[in-house]
Amino acid sequence: MADISQSTNYVPLDNGFQIREALEMSCDLVNLKSNVFEKSLLVLLLLSHIQAFSDDNKRTARIIMLLFYEQNNVSAFKHIFINQFEFAVNTYF
């Protein structure tokens, strides 16, 4: 896998205080929403963006979010989210 850290301008938060503050602000934003789909999309986007985890999950999140980071464009991610939701409903319910 290519080192994507060399191909993005995004700089993740680098200390616990910033991460905690970003997570608290994210929770406040999500709690303002009433639509469960909007809430779940926001949580997925914001957690991926904040990169609050110390393991390799953040590499995966960065790959998924690269277009969002660089262009502030959520449309590709939204498309994947909707398709995967429809797949899960059709497959498991």
Foldseek 3Di string as FASTA:
>chain_A
DDDCVVVAPDDADDDDVVLVVLVVVLVVVLVVDDDPLVSVLSVLLSCLRNVPDDDPVNVVSCVLCVCCRHPVDCVVVVVVSVVVVVVCVVPPD
